[in-house]
N, C-alpha and C. Protein backbone atom coordinates (compact mmCIF):
# COMPACT_ATOMS: atom_id res chain seq x y z
N MET A 1 -26.99 152.51 -37.41
CA MET A 1 -26.99 151.97 -38.76
C MET A 1 -26.94 150.45 -38.69
N SER A 2 -27.37 149.85 -39.76
CA SER A 2 -27.29 148.40 -39.84
C SER A 2 -26.33 148.01 -40.96
N LEU A 3 -25.92 146.80 -40.92
CA LEU A 3 -24.97 146.28 -41.89
C LEU A 3 -25.65 146.05 -43.24
N SER A 4 -24.99 146.49 -44.30
CA SER A 4 -25.51 146.26 -45.65
C SER A 4 -24.39 145.75 -46.55
N PHE A 5 -24.77 145.19 -47.68
CA PHE A 5 -23.82 144.60 -48.61
C PHE A 5 -24.07 145.11 -50.03
N PRO A 6 -23.86 146.41 -50.26
CA PRO A 6 -24.15 146.96 -51.59
C PRO A 6 -23.13 146.55 -52.65
N ASN A 7 -21.95 146.17 -52.24
CA ASN A 7 -20.89 145.80 -53.17
C ASN A 7 -20.88 144.28 -53.30
N ARG A 8 -21.19 143.78 -54.48
CA ARG A 8 -21.29 142.33 -54.66
C ARG A 8 -19.95 141.67 -54.97
N SER A 9 -18.88 142.43 -54.95
CA SER A 9 -17.58 141.83 -55.27
C SER A 9 -17.12 140.91 -54.15
N ARG A 10 -16.33 139.94 -54.54
CA ARG A 10 -15.71 138.99 -53.61
C ARG A 10 -14.47 138.49 -54.29
N SER A 11 -13.55 137.98 -53.50
CA SER A 11 -12.30 137.46 -54.06
C SER A 11 -11.85 136.27 -53.25
N TYR A 12 -11.07 135.42 -53.90
CA TYR A 12 -10.55 134.23 -53.23
C TYR A 12 -9.09 134.43 -52.90
N ASP A 13 -8.73 134.17 -51.66
CA ASP A 13 -7.34 134.24 -51.20
C ASP A 13 -6.83 132.81 -51.10
N ALA A 14 -6.07 132.38 -52.10
CA ALA A 14 -5.61 130.99 -52.17
C ALA A 14 -4.68 130.63 -51.02
N SER A 15 -3.85 131.56 -50.57
CA SER A 15 -2.90 131.24 -49.50
C SER A 15 -3.61 130.97 -48.18
N ALA A 16 -4.72 131.65 -47.94
CA ALA A 16 -5.46 131.46 -46.69
C ALA A 16 -6.66 130.53 -46.88
N ARG A 17 -6.98 130.19 -48.15
CA ARG A 17 -8.14 129.38 -48.50
C ARG A 17 -9.42 129.99 -47.93
N ARG A 18 -9.60 131.29 -48.25
CA ARG A 18 -10.78 132.02 -47.78
C ARG A 18 -11.30 132.94 -48.87
N ILE A 19 -12.59 133.19 -48.82
CA ILE A 19 -13.21 134.17 -49.70
C ILE A 19 -13.42 135.44 -48.90
N ARG A 20 -13.02 136.55 -49.49
CA ARG A 20 -13.15 137.86 -48.85
C ARG A 20 -14.31 138.62 -49.48
N PHE A 21 -15.13 139.24 -48.62
CA PHE A 21 -16.16 140.15 -49.09
C PHE A 21 -16.34 141.24 -48.06
N THR A 22 -17.07 142.28 -48.42
CA THR A 22 -17.14 143.47 -47.59
C THR A 22 -18.59 143.86 -47.33
N GLY A 23 -18.82 144.32 -46.11
CA GLY A 23 -20.10 144.90 -45.74
C GLY A 23 -19.86 146.33 -45.28
N TYR A 24 -20.93 147.07 -45.12
CA TYR A 24 -20.82 148.47 -44.68
C TYR A 24 -21.84 148.77 -43.61
N ASP A 25 -21.37 149.45 -42.59
CA ASP A 25 -22.23 149.98 -41.54
C ASP A 25 -22.10 151.49 -41.64
N GLY A 26 -23.01 152.11 -42.38
CA GLY A 26 -22.86 153.53 -42.67
C GLY A 26 -21.62 153.73 -43.52
N MET A 27 -20.72 154.57 -43.04
CA MET A 27 -19.49 154.82 -43.80
C MET A 27 -18.35 153.88 -43.41
N PHE A 28 -18.59 152.99 -42.46
CA PHE A 28 -17.55 152.08 -42.00
C PHE A 28 -17.56 150.78 -42.80
N GLU A 29 -16.38 150.41 -43.30
CA GLU A 29 -16.22 149.17 -44.04
C GLU A 29 -15.90 148.04 -43.07
N VAL A 30 -16.56 146.92 -43.27
CA VAL A 30 -16.37 145.75 -42.41
C VAL A 30 -15.97 144.58 -43.32
N SER A 31 -14.82 143.98 -43.05
CA SER A 31 -14.31 142.88 -43.88
C SER A 31 -14.73 141.53 -43.31
N PHE A 32 -15.08 140.63 -44.21
CA PHE A 32 -15.46 139.28 -43.84
C PHE A 32 -14.63 138.30 -44.66
N LEU A 33 -14.26 137.21 -44.02
CA LEU A 33 -13.58 136.10 -44.68
C LEU A 33 -14.39 134.84 -44.41
N VAL A 34 -14.60 134.04 -45.44
CA VAL A 34 -15.31 132.78 -45.29
C VAL A 34 -14.33 131.66 -45.61
N ASP A 35 -14.12 130.76 -44.66
CA ASP A 35 -13.24 129.62 -44.88
C ASP A 35 -13.74 128.78 -46.06
N ALA A 36 -12.84 128.31 -46.87
CA ALA A 36 -13.20 127.47 -48.02
C ALA A 36 -13.88 126.19 -47.57
N ASP A 37 -13.63 125.75 -46.34
CA ASP A 37 -14.25 124.53 -45.82
C ASP A 37 -15.77 124.63 -45.74
N VAL A 38 -16.29 125.85 -45.80
CA VAL A 38 -17.74 126.06 -45.79
C VAL A 38 -18.36 125.48 -47.08
N PHE A 39 -17.54 125.36 -48.12
CA PHE A 39 -18.00 124.89 -49.43
C PHE A 39 -17.35 123.54 -49.75
N PRO A 40 -17.82 122.46 -49.13
CA PRO A 40 -17.13 121.17 -49.22
C PRO A 40 -17.07 120.57 -50.62
N GLY A 41 -17.98 120.92 -51.51
CA GLY A 41 -17.96 120.33 -52.85
C GLY A 41 -17.06 121.06 -53.83
N SER A 42 -16.44 122.14 -53.37
CA SER A 42 -15.61 122.96 -54.25
C SER A 42 -14.14 122.72 -53.97
N HIS A 43 -13.33 122.74 -55.04
CA HIS A 43 -11.90 122.53 -54.85
C HIS A 43 -11.04 123.45 -55.70
N THR A 44 -11.68 124.40 -56.37
CA THR A 44 -10.95 125.34 -57.20
C THR A 44 -11.45 126.75 -56.89
N GLU A 45 -10.68 127.74 -57.28
CA GLU A 45 -11.09 129.12 -57.07
C GLU A 45 -12.46 129.39 -57.70
N ALA A 46 -12.62 128.96 -58.94
CA ALA A 46 -13.90 129.18 -59.62
C ALA A 46 -15.04 128.48 -58.88
N GLY A 47 -14.76 127.28 -58.38
CA GLY A 47 -15.78 126.54 -57.62
C GLY A 47 -16.16 127.22 -56.32
N TYR A 48 -15.16 127.71 -55.61
CA TYR A 48 -15.43 128.42 -54.35
C TYR A 48 -16.24 129.69 -54.60
N LEU A 49 -15.87 130.44 -55.63
CA LEU A 49 -16.58 131.68 -55.92
C LEU A 49 -18.01 131.41 -56.40
N ALA A 50 -18.19 130.37 -57.19
CA ALA A 50 -19.54 130.01 -57.63
C ALA A 50 -20.40 129.57 -56.45
N ALA A 51 -19.82 128.78 -55.54
CA ALA A 51 -20.56 128.35 -54.35
C ALA A 51 -20.90 129.54 -53.47
N PHE A 52 -19.98 130.48 -53.35
CA PHE A 52 -20.26 131.70 -52.58
C PHE A 52 -21.43 132.44 -53.21
N ASP A 53 -21.39 132.62 -54.52
CA ASP A 53 -22.47 133.34 -55.21
C ASP A 53 -23.81 132.64 -55.02
N ASP A 54 -23.81 131.32 -55.09
CA ASP A 54 -25.05 130.55 -54.90
C ASP A 54 -25.60 130.71 -53.49
N GLY A 55 -24.73 130.83 -52.51
CA GLY A 55 -25.15 130.93 -51.11
C GLY A 55 -25.06 132.33 -50.53
N ARG A 56 -24.94 133.33 -51.39
CA ARG A 56 -24.69 134.71 -50.93
C ARG A 56 -25.70 135.17 -49.88
N ASP A 57 -26.99 134.95 -50.09
CA ASP A 57 -27.99 135.43 -49.13
C ASP A 57 -27.77 134.83 -47.75
N ALA A 58 -27.57 133.52 -47.70
CA ALA A 58 -27.35 132.85 -46.41
C ALA A 58 -26.04 133.32 -45.77
N ILE A 59 -25.01 133.49 -46.58
CA ILE A 59 -23.71 133.95 -46.07
C ILE A 59 -23.83 135.35 -45.48
N GLN A 60 -24.54 136.23 -46.15
CA GLN A 60 -24.71 137.58 -45.65
C GLN A 60 -25.54 137.61 -44.37
N LYS A 61 -26.50 136.72 -44.24
CA LYS A 61 -27.27 136.63 -42.99
C LYS A 61 -26.37 136.19 -41.83
N VAL A 62 -25.51 135.21 -42.08
CA VAL A 62 -24.57 134.76 -41.05
C VAL A 62 -23.60 135.89 -40.70
N ALA A 63 -23.13 136.61 -41.71
CA ALA A 63 -22.22 137.73 -41.48
C ALA A 63 -22.90 138.81 -40.64
N ALA A 64 -24.14 139.13 -40.95
CA ALA A 64 -24.87 140.15 -40.19
C ALA A 64 -25.08 139.71 -38.75
N ARG A 65 -25.36 138.44 -38.55
CA ARG A 65 -25.54 137.91 -37.19
C ARG A 65 -24.22 138.01 -36.41
N ALA A 66 -23.11 137.65 -37.05
CA ALA A 66 -21.80 137.75 -36.39
C ALA A 66 -21.49 139.21 -36.06
N TYR A 67 -21.79 140.09 -36.96
CA TYR A 67 -21.52 141.52 -36.74
C TYR A 67 -22.38 142.07 -35.60
N GLY A 68 -23.59 141.59 -35.48
CA GLY A 68 -24.49 142.05 -34.41
C GLY A 68 -24.03 141.65 -33.03
N HIS A 69 -23.25 140.57 -32.93
CA HIS A 69 -22.77 140.10 -31.62
C HIS A 69 -21.57 140.89 -31.12
N ALA A 70 -20.71 141.29 -32.01
CA ALA A 70 -19.50 142.02 -31.61
C ALA A 70 -19.04 142.86 -32.79
N ARG A 71 -18.95 144.13 -32.61
CA ARG A 71 -18.57 145.03 -33.70
C ARG A 71 -17.06 145.09 -33.85
N ARG A 72 -16.58 144.48 -34.91
CA ARG A 72 -15.15 144.49 -35.22
C ARG A 72 -14.98 144.91 -36.67
N ARG A 73 -13.75 145.02 -37.11
CA ARG A 73 -13.46 145.39 -38.50
C ARG A 73 -13.24 144.17 -39.39
N LEU A 74 -12.98 143.00 -38.78
CA LEU A 74 -12.71 141.79 -39.54
C LEU A 74 -13.37 140.60 -38.86
N TYR A 75 -14.05 139.80 -39.65
CA TYR A 75 -14.71 138.60 -39.16
C TYR A 75 -14.29 137.43 -40.03
N VAL A 76 -14.00 136.30 -39.41
CA VAL A 76 -13.71 135.07 -40.13
C VAL A 76 -14.86 134.11 -39.85
N LEU A 77 -15.58 133.78 -40.89
CA LEU A 77 -16.72 132.87 -40.77
C LEU A 77 -16.26 131.46 -41.11
N THR A 78 -16.57 130.53 -40.23
CA THR A 78 -16.18 129.13 -40.41
C THR A 78 -17.43 128.27 -40.55
N ALA A 79 -17.25 127.01 -40.85
CA ALA A 79 -18.37 126.09 -41.01
C ALA A 79 -19.27 126.09 -39.78
N SER A 80 -18.72 126.23 -38.60
CA SER A 80 -19.54 126.21 -37.38
C SER A 80 -20.49 127.41 -37.30
N ASP A 81 -20.18 128.50 -37.97
CA ASP A 81 -21.09 129.65 -37.99
C ASP A 81 -22.35 129.39 -38.81
N PHE A 82 -22.32 128.37 -39.66
CA PHE A 82 -23.43 128.08 -40.55
C PHE A 82 -24.31 126.94 -40.06
N ARG A 83 -24.10 126.50 -38.85
CA ARG A 83 -24.92 125.41 -38.28
C ARG A 83 -26.07 125.94 -37.51
């Protein structure tokens, strides 16, 4: 199976300064966190979520690439993953 993102929900974790979203490999749920630093022009929860929504396609491509390298249940994507 390949990784898919049928659930468009995402949430902001203020204590960790990360956005959480989920992918699925068949019946297996895979959690992803994106560091807020990936969105340098944003400084509020609404700003981070809007920036995530604007970049969703690119973020999901980076997530799929990370998942293809090592199959884990949780991935933390940082600015260096987007270079």
